[in-house]
Amino acid sequence: MTLTGKKILITGATGQVARPVAAALAQDNEVWCLGRFTDPDVERQLVEGNARTWRWDMATDGLDGVPDDFTHVLHAAMHRGDGTDFDATVEINSVAAGRLMTRCQSAEAFLYLSSGAVYERQERDHKHRETDALGTRLPWLPTYPVGKMATEGVVRAYAATLGLPTTIARLNVAYGPHGHGGMPMLLFRRMLAGAAIDIPEEGHNWCNPIHTDDIVRQVPLLWQAATVPARVVNWAGDDQVSIRELLTHLADLAGVPARFRPSAVTRDTHAFDNTLRARLVGPCEVDWRDGLRRTLACHFPDLVAVSATRED
């Protein structure tokens, strides 16, 4: 599905997920990107790519002066918190979402980027469905799922109250060329620095990695799937991969040793049931192995080049 001639508002457009979406949609649409733009190079690249930028700090700023005639909205910005500021995290994210939906209430569709971190962790092999129990346990950043869950509640309420067709997409592990590259690249950097990555003592931490190419392609389809009341959908890749398998593949591509350490405490990930997403937007197109290879080449071109030379 190709969008043309639309007026689109994107928050969090400097981040790993929303930035390529903004760049792609700006080619044939009027795209506005709201954010703090602390990195002037990223803002410059967005502007050079035909997007408009608007300074907005979701923690302090209202939306006075922002147009109210957008046809589509992607809300990907988030105040993640520092792991302890629960009240501020709920306040900032909830109020920002309410302001945004009120300002853009005439839009054709609103897409809120949530996370699989809102699910209560079940058995490691369990494929989490949209109707599964929710929880707030995330040891490495406890405020994160709380902020996402609170914002989901606000988005549901405003979608129903305003009659604004909305999709809430719970993202799995996203990765790609922009930003830090996603969780796979973050863990790989730690491994390159000599750290062993914690893995479960029994079983695996599963995930469904999704490349930003698939994210870009599926955003218009998720807008198309928006409903009143809001529709919740898992957003993940087709392949279920363990963290160990994922990092071993990256290490093999780079020609470096993979380091793991069995531990009772790990960075939990979730496997998703993709039945609803597949029905709404179809399959993904990027195989996880090829996607990781391309992502690694973007973030570590010298490392990949050295590995290729060794193979030759």
Protein backbone atom coordinates (compact mmCIF):
# COMPACT_ATOMS: atom_id res chain seq x y z
CA MET A 1 0.00 0.00 0.00
CA THR A 2 1.44 3.37 -1.04
CA LEU A 3 0.36 6.66 0.52
CA THR A 4 0.54 9.80 -1.60
CA GLY A 5 -0.63 13.34 -1.06
CA LYS A 6 -1.34 12.88 2.65
CA LYS A 7 -0.43 15.15 5.56
CA ILE A 8 1.36 13.05 8.17
CA LEU A 9 2.53 13.81 11.71
CA ILE A 10 5.27 11.67 13.25
CA THR A 11 6.67 11.91 16.77
CA GLY A 12 9.94 10.24 17.70
CA ALA A 13 11.16 10.64 14.13
CA THR A 14 14.80 10.80 15.20
CA GLY A 15 14.62 7.27 16.57
CA GLN A 16 15.46 3.90 15.14
CA VAL A 17 11.86 2.96 14.25
CA ALA A 18 10.15 6.17 13.16
CA ARG A 19 13.04 7.80 11.33
CA PRO A 20 13.02 5.50 8.28
CA VAL A 21 9.22 5.75 8.21
CA ALA A 22 9.45 9.54 8.06
CA ALA A 23 12.12 9.42 5.36
CA ALA A 24 10.10 7.04 3.19
CA LEU A 25 6.75 8.81 3.53
CA ALA A 26 8.24 12.27 2.94
CA GLN A 27 8.92 11.37 -0.68
CA ASP A 28 5.23 11.53 -1.67
CA ASN A 29 3.51 13.18 1.30
CA GLU A 30 3.73 16.25 3.53
CA VAL A 31 5.46 14.90 6.63
CA TRP A 32 5.88 16.82 9.88
CA CYS A 33 8.29 15.48 12.50
CA LEU A 34 7.86 16.60 16.11
CA GLY A 35 10.71 16.22 18.58
CA ARG A 36 13.53 17.84 20.53
CA PHE A 37 16.13 17.25 17.78
CA THR A 38 19.12 17.16 20.08
CA ASP A 39 21.22 15.85 17.18
CA PRO A 40 21.32 18.58 14.50
CA ASP A 41 22.66 16.15 11.90
CA VAL A 42 19.58 13.95 12.16
CA GLU A 43 17.29 16.97 11.84
CA ARG A 44 19.26 18.18 8.83
CA GLN A 45 18.93 14.79 7.14
CA LEU A 46 15.18 14.75 7.74
CA VAL A 47 14.80 18.23 6.26
CA GLU A 48 16.99 17.34 3.29
CA GLY A 49 14.70 14.36 2.78
CA ASN A 50 11.70 16.69 2.37
CA ALA A 51 10.29 16.41 5.92
CA ARG A 52 9.39 19.39 8.09
CA THR A 53 10.56 19.58 11.70
CA TRP A 54 8.88 21.18 14.71
CA ARG A 55 10.51 21.60 18.12
CA TRP A 56 8.45 19.72 20.73
CA ASP A 57 9.41 18.45 24.16
CA MET A 58 6.63 16.08 25.16
CA ALA A 59 7.45 16.62 28.84
CA THR A 60 6.80 20.36 28.81
CA ASP A 61 5.29 21.59 25.54
CA GLY A 62 1.75 21.87 24.31
CA LEU A 63 0.85 21.80 20.64
CA ASP A 64 -0.12 25.43 20.02
CA GLY A 65 0.78 26.34 16.46
CA VAL A 66 0.91 22.74 15.25
CA PRO A 67 -1.57 22.20 12.38
CA ASP A 68 -4.73 20.29 13.21
CA ASP A 69 -5.47 18.92 9.74
CA PHE A 70 -3.17 15.90 9.58
CA THR A 71 -4.62 12.87 7.84
CA HIS A 72 -2.38 10.31 9.59
CA VAL A 73 -0.42 10.24 12.85
CA LEU A 74 2.37 7.95 14.07
CA HIS A 75 3.10 8.52 17.76
CA ALA A 76 6.44 6.84 18.46
CA ALA A 77 7.96 9.27 20.98
CA MET A 78 8.27 8.16 24.59
CA HIS A 79 9.64 9.38 27.89
CA ARG A 80 11.32 6.16 29.02
CA GLY A 81 12.14 7.29 32.52
CA ASP A 82 15.24 6.43 34.50
CA GLY A 83 13.81 3.33 36.11
CA THR A 84 12.64 5.11 39.26
CA ASP A 85 10.49 8.10 38.17
CA PHE A 86 7.23 6.19 37.76
CA ASP A 87 4.89 9.11 38.40
CA ALA A 88 6.67 11.39 35.93
CA THR A 89 6.78 8.64 33.31
CA VAL A 90 3.03 8.07 33.53
CA GLU A 91 2.26 11.81 33.61
CA ILE A 92 4.46 12.80 30.68
CA ASN A 93 3.45 9.99 28.34
CA SER A 94 -0.25 10.04 29.15
CA VAL A 95 -0.68 13.80 28.84
CA ALA A 96 1.35 13.99 25.62
CA ALA A 97 -0.76 11.28 23.99
CA GLY A 98 -4.00 12.97 25.04
CA ARG A 99 -2.85 16.33 23.70
CA LEU A 100 -1.72 14.80 20.44
CA MET A 101 -4.95 12.89 19.80
CA THR A 102 -7.06 15.93 20.69
CA ARG A 103 -5.08 18.12 18.31
CA CYS A 104 -5.31 15.55 15.51
CA GLN A 105 -8.83 14.28 16.17
CA SER A 106 -9.90 14.82 12.55
CA ALA A 107 -7.23 12.42 11.25
CA GLU A 108 -8.14 9.37 9.20
CA ALA A 109 -6.00 7.14 11.42
CA PHE A 110 -3.77 7.25 14.50
CA LEU A 111 -1.02 4.69 15.16
CA TYR A 112 0.48 4.39 18.63
CA LEU A 113 3.77 2.53 18.99
CA SER A 114 3.57 0.40 22.12
CA SER A 115 5.72 -2.57 23.13
CA GLY A 116 5.63 -6.25 23.93
CA ALA A 117 7.18 -5.25 27.26
CA VAL A 118 3.62 -4.72 28.52
CA TYR A 119 2.97 -8.48 28.59
CA GLU A 120 3.24 -10.46 31.78
CA ARG A 121 6.06 -12.90 31.20
CA GLN A 122 4.80 -16.47 30.90
CA GLU A 123 6.66 -19.66 29.99
CA ARG A 124 9.65 -18.90 27.79
CA ASP A 125 8.15 -20.82 24.86
CA HIS A 126 4.77 -19.09 25.11
CA LYS A 127 3.70 -17.08 22.08
CA HIS A 128 2.06 -14.00 23.54
CA ARG A 129 -1.30 -12.96 22.09
CA GLU A 130 -2.95 -9.55 22.19
CA THR A 131 -5.42 -10.80 24.80
CA ASP A 132 -2.80 -12.23 27.18
CA ALA A 133 -2.26 -10.91 30.69
CA LEU A 134 -0.36 -7.65 31.07
CA GLY A 135 2.39 -6.92 33.57
CA THR A 136 5.04 -4.36 34.46
CA ARG A 137 8.10 -6.46 35.23
CA LEU A 138 11.15 -5.23 33.34
CA PRO A 139 14.21 -5.28 35.65
CA TRP A 140 16.53 -3.37 33.32
CA LEU A 141 14.10 -0.39 33.03
CA PRO A 142 11.03 -0.78 35.28
CA THR A 143 9.42 2.50 34.20
CA TYR A 144 9.28 1.48 30.53
CA PRO A 145 6.33 -0.95 30.55
CA VAL A 146 4.49 1.24 33.06
CA GLY A 147 4.73 4.20 30.66
CA LYS A 148 3.62 2.12 27.70
CA MET A 149 0.69 0.56 29.53
CA ALA A 150 -0.52 3.89 30.90
CA THR A 151 -0.35 5.44 27.45
CA GLU A 152 -2.25 2.53 25.91
CA GLY A 153 -5.07 3.30 28.32
CA VAL A 154 -5.15 6.96 27.34
CA VAL A 155 -5.03 6.10 23.63
CA ARG A 156 -7.94 3.69 24.01
CA ALA A 157 -9.99 6.29 25.87
CA TYR A 158 -9.34 9.10 23.40
CA ALA A 159 -9.92 6.87 20.37
CA ALA A 160 -13.38 6.03 21.69
CA THR A 161 -14.20 9.53 22.96
CA LEU A 162 -13.03 11.37 19.84
CA GLY A 163 -14.10 8.71 17.35
CA LEU A 164 -10.53 8.60 16.06
CA PRO A 165 -9.68 5.32 14.25
CA THR A 166 -6.64 3.96 16.08
CA THR A 167 -4.20 1.07 16.03
CA ILE A 168 -2.05 0.24 19.04
CA ALA A 169 0.93 -1.75 17.77
CA ARG A 170 2.92 -3.70 20.37
CA LEU A 171 6.40 -3.89 18.90
CA ASN A 172 8.72 -6.85 19.37
CA VAL A 173 12.47 -6.50 18.67
CA ALA A 174 13.02 -3.91 15.94
CA TYR A 175 16.40 -3.50 14.26
CA GLY A 176 17.90 -1.69 11.30
CA PRO A 177 20.41 0.89 10.06
CA HIS A 178 19.30 3.94 12.05
CA GLY A 179 19.94 4.96 15.65
CA HIS A 180 21.69 2.37 17.78
CA GLY A 181 20.48 -0.40 15.47
CA GLY A 182 18.12 -2.01 17.95
CA MET A 183 18.58 -4.50 20.75
CA PRO A 184 20.62 -6.95 18.60
CA MET A 185 23.24 -4.28 17.94
CA LEU A 186 23.25 -3.11 21.57
CA LEU A 187 23.99 -6.62 22.81
CA PHE A 188 26.53 -7.19 20.03
CA ARG A 189 28.42 -4.05 21.05
CA ARG A 190 28.62 -5.36 24.59
CA MET A 191 29.95 -8.67 23.29
CA LEU A 192 32.57 -6.87 21.18
CA ALA A 193 33.69 -5.03 24.31
CA GLY A 194 34.43 -8.38 25.93
CA ALA A 195 31.26 -8.89 27.95
CA ALA A 196 29.44 -12.21 28.05
CA ILE A 197 25.72 -11.92 27.32
CA ASP A 198 23.43 -13.37 29.97
CA ILE A 199 21.17 -16.15 28.71
CA PRO A 200 18.69 -18.34 30.63
CA GLU A 201 20.07 -21.28 32.55
CA GLU A 202 17.33 -23.37 30.96
CA GLY A 203 15.45 -22.79 27.73
CA HIS A 204 15.75 -19.67 25.59
CA ASN A 205 14.73 -16.03 25.47
CA TRP A 206 12.76 -15.93 22.23
CA CYS A 207 11.94 -12.92 20.09
CA ASN A 208 10.50 -12.13 16.65
CA PRO A 209 12.94 -9.57 15.19
CA ILE A 210 11.48 -7.20 12.62
CA HIS A 211 13.61 -5.12 10.24
CA THR A 212 12.77 -1.46 9.73
CA ASP A 213 12.18 -2.15 6.01
CA ASP A 214 9.16 -4.23 7.02
CA ILE A 215 8.13 -1.58 9.54
CA VAL A 216 8.18 1.12 6.84
CA ARG A 217 6.08 -1.04 4.52
CA GLN A 218 3.56 -1.99 7.19
CA VAL A 219 2.87 1.43 8.76
CA PRO A 220 0.33 2.45 6.07
CA LEU A 221 -1.33 -0.95 6.42
CA LEU A 222 -1.63 -0.50 10.18
CA TRP A 223 -3.23 2.88 9.59
CA GLN A 224 -5.62 1.18 7.21
CA ALA A 225 -6.46 -1.33 9.95
CA ALA A 226 -7.29 1.39 12.51
CA THR A 227 -10.71 1.15 14.18
CA VAL A 228 -12.93 2.65 16.86
CA PRO A 229 -12.55 1.36 19.52
CA ALA A 230 -8.78 1.11 19.13
CA ARG A 231 -7.39 -2.11 17.69
CA VAL A 232 -4.44 -3.75 19.48
CA VAL A 233 -2.06 -5.81 17.35
CA ASN A 234 1.28 -7.54 17.90
CA TRP A 235 3.93 -6.10 15.58
CA ALA A 236 6.80 -8.49 14.98
CA GLY A 237 8.75 -10.41 12.39
CA ASP A 238 7.65 -13.80 11.10
CA ASP A 239 10.68 -15.68 12.45
CA GLN A 240 10.99 -16.76 16.08
CA VAL A 241 14.66 -16.58 17.05
CA SER A 242 16.47 -17.07 20.35
CA ILE A 243 18.79 -14.36 21.61
CA ARG A 244 21.62 -16.88 21.58
CA GLU A 245 20.95 -17.79 17.94
CA LEU A 246 20.67 -14.14 16.96
CA LEU A 247 23.97 -13.11 18.55
CA THR A 248 25.80 -16.22 17.35
CA HIS A 249 24.78 -15.32 13.80
CA LEU A 250 26.12 -11.78 14.23
CA ALA A 251 29.37 -13.08 15.70
CA ASP A 252 29.80 -15.50 12.81
CA LEU A 253 29.21 -12.72 10.28
CA ALA A 254 31.80 -10.52 12.00
CA GLY A 255 34.30 -13.30 12.58
CA VAL A 256 34.42 -12.77 16.34
CA PRO A 257 33.73 -15.18 19.21
CA ALA A 258 30.24 -15.31 20.69
CA ARG A 259 30.29 -14.98 24.48
CA PHE A 260 27.42 -16.13 26.70
CA ARG A 261 26.88 -16.67 30.40
CA PRO A 262 24.01 -18.73 31.86
CA SER A 263 22.21 -16.61 34.42
CA ALA A 264 19.06 -16.59 36.52
CA VAL A 265 18.52 -12.94 35.52
CA THR A 266 18.50 -12.04 31.82
CA ARG A 267 17.14 -9.33 29.54
CA ASP A 268 13.80 -10.96 28.87
CA THR A 269 12.24 -10.93 25.43
CA HIS A 270 8.91 -12.30 24.25
CA ALA A 271 7.77 -14.56 21.44
CA PHE A 272 4.65 -13.27 19.68
CA ASP A 273 1.63 -14.89 18.12
CA ASN A 274 1.45 -13.03 14.79
CA THR A 275 -1.91 -14.38 13.63
CA LEU A 276 -3.73 -11.04 13.77
CA ARG A 277 -0.89 -9.03 12.25
CA ALA A 278 -0.56 -11.50 9.37
CA ARG A 279 -4.30 -11.27 8.70
CA LEU A 280 -4.28 -7.47 8.74
CA VAL A 281 -1.07 -6.61 6.88
CA GLY A 282 0.30 -9.87 5.49
CA PRO A 283 3.73 -11.45 5.91
CA CYS A 284 7.08 -9.78 6.46
CA GLU A 285 9.57 -9.70 3.59
CA VAL A 286 12.97 -9.47 5.30
CA ASP A 287 14.52 -12.73 6.51
CA TRP A 288 16.15 -12.18 9.90
CA ARG A 289 19.54 -13.52 8.77
CA ASP A 290 19.75 -11.21 5.78
CA GLY A 291 18.36 -8.31 7.78
CA LEU A 292 21.00 -8.71 10.47
CA ARG A 293 23.74 -9.00 7.86
CA ARG A 294 22.69 -5.70 6.28
CA THR A 295 22.30 -4.03 9.67
CA LEU A 296 25.74 -5.19 10.78
CA ALA A 297 27.25 -3.82 7.57
CA CYS A 298 25.71 -0.40 8.29
CA HIS A 299 26.92 -0.16 11.88
CA PHE A 300 30.24 -2.03 11.58
CA PRO A 301 31.37 -1.73 7.94
CA ASP A 302 35.06 -2.16 8.78
CA LEU A 303 34.40 -5.25 10.86
CA VAL A 304 32.31 -6.86 8.13
CA ALA A 305 34.94 -5.98 5.51
CA VAL A 306 37.68 -7.63 7.56
CA SER A 307 35.55 -10.74 8.02
CA ALA A 308 34.87 -10.93 4.27
CA THR A 309 38.60 -10.59 3.54
CA ARG A 310 39.37 -13.50 5.87
CA GLU A 311 36.84 -15.68 4.06
CA ASP A 312 38.40 -14.82 0.70
